[in-house]
């Protein structure tokens, strides 16, 4: 079989889905539960880029298309933070594995664009998360504020090289807003947990 035939065979959903699930299970049962979710979300999001219907954005608001699952992309940046707590700097290995799995569910051009966007935004995200001593809830929001705009601009910009007309400021801005919304929701949940923990430590039963 040629490389193209092997690649086409692996991209069949009845092959690709079990491969992704087995990989996630390997991380999960190794004690890396957040990393398992992280490597599973990446191929899912890249698949959604082509599979999930988008909605037109009025020209007055920048034009382009709104991707409803953009909020999930924002959650990936947050999940990466939790995965780093589990794996430390080995989170980079999880990112590479997630991108490799993405080749089973997406156009290779989308994976390349996604990979470069992830590499840039995740580097910024990793730096903010690693070198900041702020509470986790604040680090989640700080890292997302720094990485979400880069991720969206780089991804849409690179994807536009192979999908003409895809770049539009409406798409970029709504994508950034959706990602930050997802990060904000998680940061609020974590902040509430931090407050309860602090209250329990001050007033032990």
C-alpha atoms as a PDB file:
ATOM      1  CA  UNK A   1       0.000   0.000   0.000  1.00  0.00           C
ATOM      2  CA  UNK A   2       1.169   3.549  -0.747  1.00  0.00           C
ATOM      3  CA  UNK A   3       1.454   6.207   1.947  1.00  0.00           C
ATOM      4  CA  UNK A   4      -1.699   7.890   0.630  1.00  0.00           C
ATOM      5  CA  UNK A   5      -3.640   4.617   0.863  1.00  0.00           C
ATOM      6  CA  UNK A   6      -2.431   3.959   4.407  1.00  0.00           C
ATOM      7  CA  UNK A   7      -3.305   7.516   5.412  1.00  0.00           C
ATOM      8  CA  UNK A   8      -6.782   7.232   3.850  1.00  0.00           C
ATOM      9  CA  UNK A   9      -7.309   3.928   5.666  1.00  0.00           C
ATOM     10  CA  UNK A  10      -6.374   5.433   9.049  1.00  0.00           C
ATOM     11  CA  UNK A  11      -8.701   8.395   8.456  1.00  0.00           C
ATOM     12  CA  UNK A  12     -11.781   6.176   8.274  1.00  0.00           C
ATOM     13  CA  UNK A  13     -13.936   6.998  11.300  1.00  0.00           C
ATOM     14  CA  UNK A  14     -14.135   3.346  12.387  1.00  0.00           C
ATOM     15  CA  UNK A  15     -10.320   3.364  12.596  1.00  0.00           C
ATOM     16  CA  UNK A  16      -9.612   6.938  13.694  1.00  0.00           C
ATOM     17  CA  UNK A  17     -12.110   7.041  16.576  1.00  0.00           C
ATOM     18  CA  UNK A  18     -10.817   3.876  18.307  1.00  0.00           C
ATOM     19  CA  UNK A  19      -7.216   5.090  17.908  1.00  0.00           C
ATOM     20  CA  UNK A  20      -8.085   8.394  19.584  1.00  0.00           C
ATOM     21  CA  UNK A  21     -10.051   6.665  22.363  1.00  0.00           C
ATOM     22  CA  UNK A  22      -7.296   4.126  23.053  1.00  0.00           C
ATOM     23  CA  UNK A  23      -4.725   6.924  23.272  1.00  0.00           C
ATOM     24  CA  UNK A  24      -6.938   8.848  25.679  1.00  0.00           C
ATOM     25  CA  UNK A  25      -7.421   5.701  27.767  1.00  0.00           C
ATOM     26  CA  UNK A  26      -3.654   5.183  27.933  1.00  0.00           C
ATOM     27  CA  UNK A  27      -3.202   8.675  29.390  1.00  0.00           C
ATOM     28  CA  UNK A  28      -6.194   8.300  31.705  1.00  0.00           C
ATOM     29  CA  UNK A  29      -5.131   4.994  33.251  1.00  0.00           C
ATOM     30  CA  UNK A  30      -1.573   6.284  33.594  1.00  0.00           C
ATOM     31  CA  UNK A  31      -2.945   8.895  35.982  1.00  0.00           C
ATOM     32  CA  UNK A  32      -3.000  11.806  33.540  1.00  0.00           C
ATOM     33  CA  UNK A  33      -6.720  12.516  33.345  1.00  0.00           C
ATOM     34  CA  UNK A  34      -6.494  16.112  32.173  1.00  0.00           C
ATOM     35  CA  UNK A  35      -3.882  15.143  29.589  1.00  0.00           C
ATOM     36  CA  UNK A  36      -6.269  12.448  28.324  1.00  0.00           C
ATOM     37  CA  UNK A  37      -8.935  15.100  27.753  1.00  0.00           C
ATOM     38  CA  UNK A  38      -6.355  17.420  26.192  1.00  0.00           C
ATOM     39  CA  UNK A  39      -5.157  14.957  23.540  1.00  0.00           C
ATOM     40  CA  UNK A  40      -8.766  14.001  22.759  1.00  0.00           C
ATOM     41  CA  UNK A  41     -10.034  17.544  22.345  1.00  0.00           C
ATOM     42  CA  UNK A  42      -7.423  18.472  19.765  1.00  0.00           C
ATOM     43  CA  UNK A  43      -8.516  16.015  17.028  1.00  0.00           C
ATOM     44  CA  UNK A  44     -12.156  16.740  17.876  1.00  0.00           C
ATOM     45  CA  UNK A  45     -11.726  20.492  17.386  1.00  0.00           C
ATOM     46  CA  UNK A  46      -9.779  20.099  14.156  1.00  0.00           C
ATOM     47  CA  UNK A  47     -12.509  17.771  12.881  1.00  0.00           C
ATOM     48  CA  UNK A  48     -15.195  20.313  13.815  1.00  0.00           C
ATOM     49  CA  UNK A  49     -13.516  22.971  11.665  1.00  0.00           C
ATOM     50  CA  UNK A  50     -14.827  21.237   8.542  1.00  0.00           C
ATOM     51  CA  UNK A  51     -17.745  19.221   9.939  1.00  0.00           C
ATOM     52  CA  UNK A  52     -19.737  21.698  12.040  1.00  0.00           C
ATOM     53  CA  UNK A  53     -21.880  24.273  10.177  1.00  0.00           C
ATOM     54  CA  UNK A  54     -20.848  27.898  10.569  1.00  0.00           C
ATOM     55  CA  UNK A  55     -23.015  31.013  10.584  1.00  0.00           C
ATOM     56  CA  UNK A  56     -22.399  34.173   8.560  1.00  0.00           C
ATOM     57  CA  UNK A  57     -21.318  37.287  10.412  1.00  0.00           C
ATOM     58  CA  UNK A  58     -22.717  40.601   9.064  1.00  0.00           C
ATOM     59  CA  UNK A  59     -20.194  42.711   7.176  1.00  0.00           C
ATOM     60  CA  UNK A  60     -20.861  45.525   9.636  1.00  0.00           C
ATOM     61  CA  UNK A  61     -19.388  43.288  12.352  1.00  0.00           C
ATOM     62  CA  UNK A  62     -16.341  42.255  10.357  1.00  0.00           C
ATOM     63  CA  UNK A  63     -17.799  39.606   8.061  1.00  0.00           C
ATOM     64  CA  UNK A  64     -16.691  35.992   7.830  1.00  0.00           C
ATOM     65  CA  UNK A  65     -18.171  32.948   9.549  1.00  0.00           C
ATOM     66  CA  UNK A  66     -18.871  32.161  13.195  1.00  0.00           C
ATOM     67  CA  UNK A  67     -17.774  28.721  14.371  1.00  0.00           C
ATOM     68  CA  UNK A  68     -20.046  27.645  17.287  1.00  0.00           C
ATOM     69  CA  UNK A  69     -17.410  25.305  18.713  1.00  0.00           C
ATOM     70  CA  UNK A  70     -14.832  28.081  19.008  1.00  0.00           C
ATOM     71  CA  UNK A  71     -15.651  28.186  22.717  1.00  0.00           C
ATOM     72  CA  UNK A  72     -14.376  24.612  22.995  1.00  0.00           C
ATOM     73  CA  UNK A  73     -11.074  25.746  21.517  1.00  0.00           C
ATOM     74  CA  UNK A  74     -10.815  28.194  24.400  1.00  0.00           C
ATOM     75  CA  UNK A  75     -11.421  25.359  26.827  1.00  0.00           C
ATOM     76  CA  UNK A  76      -8.493  23.467  25.290  1.00  0.00           C
ATOM     77  CA  UNK A  77      -6.174  26.254  26.423  1.00  0.00           C
ATOM     78  CA  UNK A  78      -7.581  25.873  29.940  1.00  0.00           C
ATOM     79  CA  UNK A  79      -7.378  22.072  29.871  1.00  0.00           C
ATOM     80  CA  UNK A  80      -3.738  22.456  28.839  1.00  0.00           C
ATOM     81  CA  UNK A  81      -3.115  24.376  32.063  1.00  0.00           C
ATOM     82  CA  UNK A  82      -4.536  21.509  34.109  1.00  0.00           C
ATOM     83  CA  UNK A  83      -2.578  18.986  32.050  1.00  0.00           C
ATOM     84  CA  UNK A  84       0.614  20.898  32.800  1.00  0.00           C
ATOM     85  CA  UNK A  85      -0.116  20.562  36.514  1.00  0.00           C
ATOM     86  CA  UNK A  86      -0.176  16.797  36.017  1.00  0.00           C
ATOM     87  CA  UNK A  87       2.702  16.361  33.589  1.00  0.00           C
ATOM     88  CA  UNK A  88       4.852  19.467  34.161  1.00  0.00           C
ATOM     89  CA  UNK A  89       6.890  20.180  31.029  1.00  0.00           C
ATOM     90  CA  UNK A  90       5.948  16.792  29.526  1.00  0.00           C
ATOM     91  CA  UNK A  91       2.747  18.546  28.454  1.00  0.00           C
ATOM     92  CA  UNK A  92       4.635  19.295  25.212  1.00  0.00           C
ATOM     93  CA  UNK A  93       4.633  15.565  24.441  1.00  0.00           C
ATOM     94  CA  UNK A  94       0.873  15.477  24.957  1.00  0.00           C
ATOM     95  CA  UNK A  95       0.481  18.387  22.525  1.00  0.00           C
ATOM     96  CA  UNK A  96       2.493  16.590  19.842  1.00  0.00           C
ATOM     97  CA  UNK A  97       0.453  13.408  20.312  1.00  0.00           C
ATOM     98  CA  UNK A  98      -2.771  15.413  20.059  1.00  0.00           C
ATOM     99  CA  UNK A  99      -1.627  16.972  16.795  1.00  0.00           C
ATOM    100  CA  UNK A 100      -0.671  13.570  15.398  1.00  0.00           C
ATOM    101  CA  UNK A 101      -4.135  12.287  16.264  1.00  0.00           C
ATOM    102  CA  UNK A 102      -5.574  15.335  14.503  1.00  0.00           C
ATOM    103  CA  UNK A 103      -4.181  14.074  11.203  1.00  0.00           C
ATOM    104  CA  UNK A 104      -6.692  11.213  11.489  1.00  0.00           C
ATOM    105  CA  UNK A 105      -9.704  13.510  11.720  1.00  0.00           C
ATOM    106  CA  UNK A 106      -8.860  16.601   9.665  1.00  0.00           C
ATOM    107  CA  UNK A 107      -7.489  17.929   6.404  1.00  0.00           C
ATOM    108  CA  UNK A 108      -3.704  17.944   6.624  1.00  0.00           C
ATOM    109  CA  UNK A 109      -3.668  21.683   5.819  1.00  0.00           C
ATOM    110  CA  UNK A 110      -5.936  22.343   8.804  1.00  0.00           C
ATOM    111  CA  UNK A 111      -3.677  20.240  11.020  1.00  0.00           C
ATOM    112  CA  UNK A 112      -0.585  22.164   9.881  1.00  0.00           C
ATOM    113  CA  UNK A 113      -2.286  25.512  10.514  1.00  0.00           C
ATOM    114  CA  UNK A 114      -3.614  24.259  13.838  1.00  0.00           C
ATOM    115  CA  UNK A 115      -0.218  22.846  14.799  1.00  0.00           C
ATOM    116  CA  UNK A 116       1.640  26.097  14.172  1.00  0.00           C
ATOM    117  CA  UNK A 117      -1.069  28.088  15.948  1.00  0.00           C
ATOM    118  CA  UNK A 118      -0.927  25.698  18.901  1.00  0.00           C
ATOM    119  CA  UNK A 119       2.868  25.888  19.000  1.00  0.00           C
ATOM    120  CA  UNK A 120       2.866  29.672  19.204  1.00  0.00           C
ATOM    121  CA  UNK A 121      -0.090  30.111  21.537  1.00  0.00           C
ATOM    122  CA  UNK A 122       0.875  27.193  23.765  1.00  0.00           C
ATOM    123  CA  UNK A 123       4.390  28.589  24.173  1.00  0.00           C
ATOM    124  CA  UNK A 124       2.915  31.853  25.409  1.00  0.00           C
ATOM    125  CA  UNK A 125       0.380  29.973  27.542  1.00  0.00           C
ATOM    126  CA  UNK A 126       3.106  27.761  29.027  1.00  0.00           C
ATOM    127  CA  UNK A 127       5.307  30.771  29.857  1.00  0.00           C
ATOM    128  CA  UNK A 128       2.505  32.679  31.595  1.00  0.00           C
ATOM    129  CA  UNK A 129       1.359  29.614  33.506  1.00  0.00           C
ATOM    130  CA  UNK A 130       4.906  28.551  34.467  1.00  0.00           C
ATOM    131  CA  UNK A 131       6.377  31.857  35.585  1.00  0.00           C
ATOM    132  CA  UNK A 132       3.350  33.444  37.249  1.00  0.00           C
ATOM    133  CA  UNK A 133       2.794  32.824  40.942  1.00  0.00           C
ATOM    134  CA  UNK A 134      -0.801  34.013  40.882  1.00  0.00           C
ATOM    135  CA  UNK A 135      -3.657  31.717  42.003  1.00  0.00           C
ATOM    136  CA  UNK A 136      -4.717  29.121  39.443  1.00  0.00           C
ATOM    137  CA  UNK A 137      -7.972  30.931  38.606  1.00  0.00           C
ATOM    138  CA  UNK A 138      -6.025  34.075  37.694  1.00  0.00           C
ATOM    139  CA  UNK A 139      -3.359  32.170  35.764  1.00  0.00           C
ATOM    140  CA  UNK A 140      -6.070  30.509  33.670  1.00  0.00           C
ATOM    141  CA  UNK A 141      -7.434  33.885  32.619  1.00  0.00           C
ATOM    142  CA  UNK A 142      -4.025  35.519  32.195  1.00  0.00           C
ATOM    143  CA  UNK A 143      -2.705  32.718  29.999  1.00  0.00           C
ATOM    144  CA  UNK A 144      -5.885  32.708  27.901  1.00  0.00           C
ATOM    145  CA  UNK A 145      -5.793  36.490  27.434  1.00  0.00           C
ATOM    146  CA  UNK A 146      -2.251  36.132  26.109  1.00  0.00           C
ATOM    147  CA  UNK A 147      -2.654  32.995  23.989  1.00  0.00           C
ATOM    148  CA  UNK A 148      -6.228  33.074  22.624  1.00  0.00           C
ATOM    149  CA  UNK A 149      -5.698  36.070  20.270  1.00  0.00           C
ATOM    150  CA  UNK A 150      -2.460  34.582  18.923  1.00  0.00           C
ATOM    151  CA  UNK A 151      -4.055  31.172  18.421  1.00  0.00           C
ATOM    152  CA  UNK A 152      -7.014  32.582  16.497  1.00  0.00           C
ATOM    153  CA  UNK A 153      -5.087  35.024  14.306  1.00  0.00           C
ATOM    154  CA  UNK A 154      -2.355  32.523  13.387  1.00  0.00           C
ATOM    155  CA  UNK A 155      -4.786  29.680  12.710  1.00  0.00           C
ATOM    156  CA  UNK A 156      -7.197  31.674  10.548  1.00  0.00           C
ATOM    157  CA  UNK A 157      -4.312  33.440   8.814  1.00  0.00           C
ATOM    158  CA  UNK A 158      -2.581  30.187   7.863  1.00  0.00           C
ATOM    159  CA  UNK A 159      -5.831  28.427   6.956  1.00  0.00           C
ATOM    160  CA  UNK A 160      -6.661  31.297   4.584  1.00  0.00           C
ATOM    161  CA  UNK A 161      -3.618  30.344   2.511  1.00  0.00           C
ATOM    162  CA  UNK A 162      -5.371  27.134   1.456  1.00  0.00           C
ATOM    163  CA  UNK A 163      -9.010  28.147   1.946  1.00  0.00           C
ATOM    164  CA  UNK A 164      -9.299  31.514   0.139  1.00  0.00           C
ATOM    165  CA  UNK A 165     -11.586  34.072   1.722  1.00  0.00           C
ATOM    166  CA  UNK A 166     -11.690  32.426   5.145  1.00  0.00           C
ATOM    167  CA  UNK A 167      -9.864  35.285   6.859  1.00  0.00           C
ATOM    168  CA  UNK A 168     -12.235  37.955   8.146  1.00  0.00           C
ATOM    169  CA  UNK A 169     -12.033  40.091  11.249  1.00  0.00           C
ATOM    170  CA  UNK A 170     -15.517  39.020  12.278  1.00  0.00           C
ATOM    171  CA  UNK A 171     -14.352  35.400  12.368  1.00  0.00           C
ATOM    172  CA  UNK A 172     -11.178  36.317  14.225  1.00  0.00           C
ATOM    173  CA  UNK A 173     -12.842  38.509  16.851  1.00  0.00           C
ATOM    174  CA  UNK A 174     -15.791  36.212  17.556  1.00  0.00           C
ATOM    175  CA  UNK A 175     -13.359  33.304  17.837  1.00  0.00           C
ATOM    176  CA  UNK A 176     -11.241  35.187  20.371  1.00  0.00           C
ATOM    177  CA  UNK A 177     -14.327  36.251  22.329  1.00  0.00           C
ATOM    178  CA  UNK A 178     -15.651  32.676  22.405  1.00  0.00           C
ATOM    179  CA  UNK A 179     -12.315  31.309  23.635  1.00  0.00           C
ATOM    180  CA  UNK A 180     -12.059  33.929  26.355  1.00  0.00           C
ATOM    181  CA  UNK A 181     -15.652  33.237  27.409  1.00  0.00           C
ATOM    182  CA  UNK A 182     -14.835  29.566  27.869  1.00  0.00           C
ATOM    183  CA  UNK A 183     -11.720  30.452  29.877  1.00  0.00           C
ATOM    184  CA  UNK A 184     -13.650  32.939  32.019  1.00  0.00           C
ATOM    185  CA  UNK A 185     -16.309  30.367  32.926  1.00  0.00           C
ATOM    186  CA  UNK A 186     -13.659  27.876  34.055  1.00  0.00           C
ATOM    187  CA  UNK A 187     -11.688  30.544  35.922  1.00  0.00           C
ATOM    188  CA  UNK A 188     -14.823  31.519  37.867  1.00  0.00           C
ATOM    189  CA  UNK A 189     -15.466  27.902  38.837  1.00  0.00           C
ATOM    190  CA  UNK A 190     -11.857  27.498  39.988  1.00  0.00           C
ATOM    191  CA  UNK A 191     -11.989  30.834  41.854  1.00  0.00           C
ATOM    192  CA  UNK A 192     -15.073  29.656  43.767  1.00  0.00           C
ATOM    193  CA  UNK A 193     -13.233  26.464  44.716  1.00  0.00           C
ATOM    194  CA  UNK A 194     -10.232  28.483  45.865  1.00  0.00           C
ATOM    195  CA  UNK A 195     -12.449  30.652  48.069  1.00  0.00           C
ATOM    196  CA  UNK A 196     -14.103  27.613  49.655  1.00  0.00           C
ATOM    197  CA  UNK A 197     -10.714  26.031  50.304  1.00  0.00           C
ATOM    198  CA  UNK A 198      -9.385  29.239  51.891  1.00  0.00           C
ATOM    199  CA  UNK A 199     -12.513  29.528  54.070  1.00  0.00           C
ATOM    200  CA  UNK A 200     -12.167  25.920  55.232  1.00  0.00           C
ATOM    201  CA  UNK A 201      -8.511  26.462  56.115  1.00  0.00           C
ATOM    202  CA  UNK A 202      -9.399  29.559  58.152  1.00  0.00           C
ATOM    203  CA  UNK A 203     -12.336  27.862  59.864  1.00  0.00           C
ATOM    204  CA  UNK A 204     -11.522  24.165  60.157  1.00  0.00           C
ATOM    205  CA  UNK A 205     -14.390  21.990  61.331  1.00  0.00           C
END
